N, C-alpha and C. Protein backbone atom coordinates (compact mmCIF):
# COMPACT_ATOMS: atom_id res chain seq x y z
N MET A 1 0.85 -1.17 0.00
CA MET A 1 0.00 0.00 0.00
C MET A 1 0.90 1.23 0.00
N THR A 2 0.53 2.20 -0.79
CA THR A 2 1.33 3.42 -0.84
C THR A 2 0.95 4.33 0.34
N LYS A 3 1.77 5.32 0.58
CA LYS A 3 1.51 6.28 1.64
C LYS A 3 0.17 6.98 1.41
N ASP A 4 -0.06 7.42 0.18
CA ASP A 4 -1.31 8.11 -0.14
C ASP A 4 -2.53 7.20 0.03
N GLU A 5 -2.38 5.94 -0.34
CA GLU A 5 -3.49 4.99 -0.16
C GLU A 5 -3.80 4.79 1.32
N LEU A 6 -2.76 4.65 2.13
CA LEU A 6 -2.97 4.46 3.57
C LEU A 6 -3.58 5.71 4.18
N LEU A 7 -3.07 6.88 3.81
CA LEU A 7 -3.63 8.13 4.31
C LEU A 7 -5.11 8.28 3.92
N SER A 8 -5.43 7.92 2.71
CA SER A 8 -6.81 7.99 2.24
C SER A 8 -7.71 7.05 3.05
N LYS A 9 -7.23 5.85 3.28
CA LYS A 9 -7.97 4.87 4.07
C LYS A 9 -8.19 5.37 5.50
N ILE A 10 -7.15 5.89 6.10
CA ILE A 10 -7.24 6.41 7.47
C ILE A 10 -8.20 7.59 7.52
N GLN A 11 -8.03 8.54 6.62
CA GLN A 11 -8.86 9.75 6.65
C GLN A 11 -10.33 9.41 6.41
N SER A 12 -10.58 8.47 5.54
CA SER A 12 -11.95 8.06 5.27
C SER A 12 -12.61 7.49 6.52
N SER A 13 -11.89 6.65 7.23
CA SER A 13 -12.40 6.06 8.47
C SER A 13 -12.65 7.13 9.53
N ILE A 14 -11.70 8.03 9.68
CA ILE A 14 -11.83 9.11 10.66
C ILE A 14 -13.01 10.01 10.30
N ASP A 15 -13.11 10.40 9.04
CA ASP A 15 -14.19 11.28 8.61
C ASP A 15 -15.56 10.64 8.85
N GLU A 16 -15.67 9.35 8.56
CA GLU A 16 -16.93 8.65 8.75
C GLU A 16 -17.34 8.65 10.23
N ARG A 17 -16.42 8.30 11.10
CA ARG A 17 -16.74 8.25 12.53
C ARG A 17 -16.99 9.65 13.09
N GLN A 18 -16.23 10.64 12.62
CA GLN A 18 -16.42 12.01 13.09
C GLN A 18 -17.81 12.51 12.70
N ALA A 19 -18.22 12.22 11.47
CA ALA A 19 -19.55 12.64 11.01
C ALA A 19 -20.65 11.95 11.80
N GLN A 20 -20.49 10.67 12.06
CA GLN A 20 -21.49 9.94 12.83
C GLN A 20 -21.58 10.47 14.26
N LEU A 21 -20.44 10.76 14.84
CA LEU A 21 -20.42 11.29 16.20
C LEU A 21 -21.06 12.67 16.25
N SER A 22 -20.77 13.51 15.30
CA SER A 22 -21.36 14.85 15.24
C SER A 22 -22.88 14.77 15.05
N ALA A 23 -23.32 13.88 14.18
CA ALA A 23 -24.76 13.71 13.95
C ALA A 23 -25.45 13.23 15.22
N LEU A 24 -24.81 12.32 15.92
CA LEU A 24 -25.39 11.82 17.16
C LEU A 24 -25.47 12.92 18.21
N LYS A 25 -24.42 13.71 18.32
CA LYS A 25 -24.43 14.81 19.29
C LYS A 25 -25.59 15.77 19.00
N ASP A 26 -25.87 16.00 17.72
CA ASP A 26 -26.99 16.86 17.35
C ASP A 26 -28.33 16.23 17.73
N LYS A 27 -28.45 14.92 17.55
CA LYS A 27 -29.70 14.22 17.84
C LYS A 27 -30.05 14.21 19.32
N VAL A 28 -29.04 14.19 20.17
CA VAL A 28 -29.30 13.98 21.60
C VAL A 28 -29.42 15.26 22.41
N LYS A 29 -29.42 16.38 21.76
CA LYS A 29 -29.46 17.66 22.48
C LYS A 29 -30.68 17.80 23.39
N ASP A 30 -31.79 17.20 23.03
CA ASP A 30 -33.02 17.36 23.80
C ASP A 30 -33.31 16.18 24.73
N GLU A 31 -32.35 15.32 24.95
CA GLU A 31 -32.57 14.17 25.81
C GLU A 31 -32.54 14.55 27.29
N SER A 32 -33.07 13.67 28.11
CA SER A 32 -33.08 13.89 29.56
C SER A 32 -31.66 13.90 30.10
N GLU A 33 -31.50 14.53 31.24
CA GLU A 33 -30.17 14.64 31.85
C GLU A 33 -29.60 13.26 32.20
N GLU A 34 -30.45 12.36 32.68
CA GLU A 34 -29.98 11.01 33.01
C GLU A 34 -29.47 10.29 31.77
N ARG A 35 -30.22 10.37 30.71
CA ARG A 35 -29.82 9.73 29.45
C ARG A 35 -28.56 10.40 28.90
N MET A 36 -28.50 11.71 29.03
CA MET A 36 -27.33 12.44 28.54
C MET A 36 -26.06 12.03 29.28
N SER A 37 -26.18 11.72 30.55
CA SER A 37 -25.02 11.29 31.33
C SER A 37 -24.42 10.02 30.73
N ASP A 38 -25.26 9.07 30.37
CA ASP A 38 -24.79 7.82 29.75
C ASP A 38 -24.15 8.09 28.40
N ILE A 39 -24.79 8.97 27.65
CA ILE A 39 -24.28 9.28 26.31
C ILE A 39 -22.95 10.03 26.41
N ARG A 40 -22.86 10.96 27.32
CA ARG A 40 -21.59 11.70 27.50
C ARG A 40 -20.46 10.75 27.89
N ALA A 41 -20.76 9.80 28.76
CA ALA A 41 -19.73 8.82 29.15
C ALA A 41 -19.27 8.02 27.95
N ALA A 42 -20.21 7.63 27.09
CA ALA A 42 -19.85 6.87 25.89
C ALA A 42 -19.03 7.73 24.94
N ILE A 43 -19.42 8.99 24.79
CA ILE A 43 -18.68 9.91 23.92
C ILE A 43 -17.28 10.15 24.48
N ASP A 44 -17.19 10.33 25.78
CA ASP A 44 -15.88 10.55 26.41
C ASP A 44 -14.95 9.37 26.22
N ASP A 45 -15.51 8.17 26.11
CA ASP A 45 -14.70 6.98 25.86
C ASP A 45 -14.25 6.93 24.40
N LEU A 46 -15.10 7.38 23.50
CA LEU A 46 -14.81 7.29 22.07
C LEU A 46 -13.87 8.38 21.58
N GLU A 47 -14.02 9.58 22.07
CA GLU A 47 -13.24 10.70 21.53
C GLU A 47 -11.72 10.51 21.61
N PRO A 48 -11.16 9.98 22.70
CA PRO A 48 -9.70 9.75 22.71
C PRO A 48 -9.26 8.75 21.64
N LYS A 49 -10.09 7.77 21.36
CA LYS A 49 -9.74 6.80 20.33
C LYS A 49 -9.74 7.45 18.95
N LEU A 50 -10.66 8.36 18.74
CA LEU A 50 -10.68 9.11 17.49
C LEU A 50 -9.45 10.00 17.38
N GLU A 51 -9.05 10.60 18.48
CA GLU A 51 -7.84 11.43 18.49
C GLU A 51 -6.59 10.59 18.22
N GLN A 52 -6.55 9.36 18.74
CA GLN A 52 -5.41 8.47 18.46
C GLN A 52 -5.35 8.15 16.97
N ALA A 53 -6.50 7.93 16.37
CA ALA A 53 -6.53 7.65 14.93
C ALA A 53 -6.04 8.87 14.14
N LYS A 54 -6.44 10.07 14.57
CA LYS A 54 -5.97 11.28 13.91
C LYS A 54 -4.46 11.44 14.07
N ALA A 55 -3.94 11.11 15.24
CA ALA A 55 -2.49 11.19 15.47
C ALA A 55 -1.75 10.22 14.55
N LYS A 56 -2.31 9.04 14.37
CA LYS A 56 -1.69 8.05 13.49
C LYS A 56 -1.70 8.56 12.05
N ALA A 57 -2.78 9.21 11.65
CA ALA A 57 -2.85 9.79 10.31
C ALA A 57 -1.78 10.85 10.14
N GLN A 58 -1.59 11.67 11.15
CA GLN A 58 -0.57 12.71 11.08
C GLN A 58 0.83 12.10 11.01
N GLU A 59 1.03 11.02 11.74
CA GLU A 59 2.32 10.33 11.70
C GLU A 59 2.62 9.82 10.29
N VAL A 60 1.61 9.25 9.66
CA VAL A 60 1.78 8.78 8.28
C VAL A 60 2.05 9.96 7.35
N ALA A 61 1.28 11.03 7.50
CA ALA A 61 1.43 12.20 6.64
C ALA A 61 2.82 12.83 6.80
N ASP A 62 3.35 12.81 8.02
CA ASP A 62 4.65 13.42 8.29
C ASP A 62 5.84 12.59 7.83
N THR A 63 5.60 11.36 7.46
CA THR A 63 6.69 10.49 7.03
C THR A 63 7.20 10.94 5.66
N ALA A 64 8.47 11.18 5.59
CA ALA A 64 9.08 11.60 4.32
C ALA A 64 8.90 10.50 3.28
N ASP A 65 8.62 10.91 2.07
CA ASP A 65 8.39 9.95 1.00
C ASP A 65 9.57 9.01 0.81
N ASP A 66 10.79 9.52 0.97
CA ASP A 66 11.95 8.67 0.76
C ASP A 66 12.16 7.68 1.91
N LYS A 67 11.45 7.85 3.01
CA LYS A 67 11.54 6.93 4.15
C LYS A 67 10.35 5.97 4.19
N TRP A 68 9.37 6.17 3.30
CA TRP A 68 8.14 5.41 3.34
C TRP A 68 8.38 3.91 3.31
N ASP A 69 9.22 3.44 2.40
CA ASP A 69 9.46 2.00 2.29
C ASP A 69 10.04 1.42 3.58
N ASP A 70 10.84 2.22 4.30
CA ASP A 70 11.46 1.74 5.54
C ASP A 70 10.46 1.62 6.69
N VAL A 71 9.42 2.45 6.71
CA VAL A 71 8.51 2.49 7.86
C VAL A 71 7.08 2.06 7.51
N LYS A 72 6.85 1.75 6.27
CA LYS A 72 5.51 1.42 5.79
C LYS A 72 4.85 0.32 6.63
N ASP A 73 5.53 -0.78 6.83
CA ASP A 73 4.93 -1.91 7.55
C ASP A 73 4.57 -1.54 8.98
N SER A 74 5.45 -0.82 9.66
CA SER A 74 5.14 -0.47 11.06
C SER A 74 4.01 0.55 11.12
N LEU A 75 3.93 1.47 10.18
CA LEU A 75 2.84 2.44 10.17
C LEU A 75 1.50 1.78 9.83
N GLU A 76 1.53 0.84 8.88
CA GLU A 76 0.30 0.11 8.56
C GLU A 76 -0.17 -0.69 9.77
N GLU A 77 0.77 -1.33 10.46
CA GLU A 77 0.44 -2.10 11.66
C GLU A 77 -0.09 -1.17 12.75
N GLY A 78 0.54 -0.02 12.90
CA GLY A 78 0.08 0.95 13.88
C GLY A 78 -1.33 1.43 13.57
N TRP A 79 -1.62 1.65 12.29
CA TRP A 79 -2.97 2.06 11.92
C TRP A 79 -3.97 0.94 12.20
N ASP A 80 -3.59 -0.29 11.90
CA ASP A 80 -4.49 -1.41 12.15
C ASP A 80 -4.86 -1.47 13.64
N GLU A 81 -3.87 -1.25 14.52
CA GLU A 81 -4.14 -1.25 15.96
C GLU A 81 -5.03 -0.08 16.36
N ALA A 82 -4.71 1.11 15.86
CA ALA A 82 -5.52 2.30 16.18
C ALA A 82 -6.94 2.14 15.64
N SER A 83 -7.05 1.59 14.44
CA SER A 83 -8.36 1.38 13.83
C SER A 83 -9.18 0.37 14.62
N ALA A 84 -8.54 -0.70 15.08
CA ALA A 84 -9.25 -1.70 15.87
C ALA A 84 -9.76 -1.09 17.18
N LYS A 85 -8.96 -0.24 17.82
CA LYS A 85 -9.40 0.43 19.04
C LYS A 85 -10.57 1.37 18.75
N LEU A 86 -10.48 2.08 17.64
CA LEU A 86 -11.55 3.00 17.26
C LEU A 86 -12.84 2.22 16.99
N GLU A 87 -12.73 1.14 16.25
CA GLU A 87 -13.91 0.33 15.94
C GLU A 87 -14.51 -0.29 17.20
N LYS A 88 -13.67 -0.78 18.10
CA LYS A 88 -14.17 -1.35 19.35
C LYS A 88 -14.85 -0.26 20.17
N GLY A 89 -14.23 0.90 20.24
CA GLY A 89 -14.83 2.02 20.95
C GLY A 89 -16.16 2.41 20.33
N TRP A 90 -16.20 2.43 19.00
CA TRP A 90 -17.45 2.78 18.32
C TRP A 90 -18.52 1.74 18.60
N ASP A 91 -18.15 0.46 18.57
CA ASP A 91 -19.12 -0.60 18.86
C ASP A 91 -19.67 -0.45 20.27
N ASN A 92 -18.78 -0.18 21.23
CA ASN A 92 -19.22 0.03 22.61
C ASN A 92 -20.14 1.25 22.70
N PHE A 93 -19.77 2.28 21.99
CA PHE A 93 -20.55 3.51 21.99
C PHE A 93 -21.94 3.27 21.42
N THR A 94 -22.01 2.65 20.25
CA THR A 94 -23.31 2.43 19.63
C THR A 94 -24.16 1.46 20.43
N SER A 95 -23.54 0.53 21.11
CA SER A 95 -24.31 -0.37 21.98
C SER A 95 -24.97 0.39 23.11
N SER A 96 -24.27 1.37 23.65
CA SER A 96 -24.80 2.11 24.79
C SER A 96 -25.85 3.14 24.38
N VAL A 97 -25.87 3.52 23.12
CA VAL A 97 -26.85 4.52 22.65
C VAL A 97 -27.60 4.01 21.42
N LYS A 98 -27.83 2.72 21.37
CA LYS A 98 -28.42 2.07 20.21
C LYS A 98 -29.74 2.71 19.75
N SER A 99 -30.55 3.16 20.67
CA SER A 99 -31.86 3.69 20.30
C SER A 99 -31.77 4.91 19.39
N PHE A 100 -30.66 5.60 19.41
CA PHE A 100 -30.51 6.78 18.57
C PHE A 100 -30.22 6.43 17.11
N PHE A 101 -29.90 5.20 16.85
CA PHE A 101 -29.57 4.78 15.49
C PHE A 101 -30.72 4.09 14.79
N SER A 102 -31.86 3.97 15.43
CA SER A 102 -32.98 3.27 14.81
C SER A 102 -33.97 4.26 14.22
């Protein structure tokens, strides 16, 4: 995978989750305080994982093109780990606020 392909894959995943999170935040503005507490806790768990994914994207973007072949495998592996954490966090998040997605 090229650097640009990996960056595109990472950014697409980040953009998708960021949009879903933003849409959910808009949907829940009128919820009860008790329900909001649960949702805020789920969001607080997810946001750091999204930030880790963004940091990994920046790490890939900052890699000099002439060094790409030397670090490609470790960056791809790093993204796979960050992506898995993000997906697990998202799954936990959507489980806790499932009613908002129906």
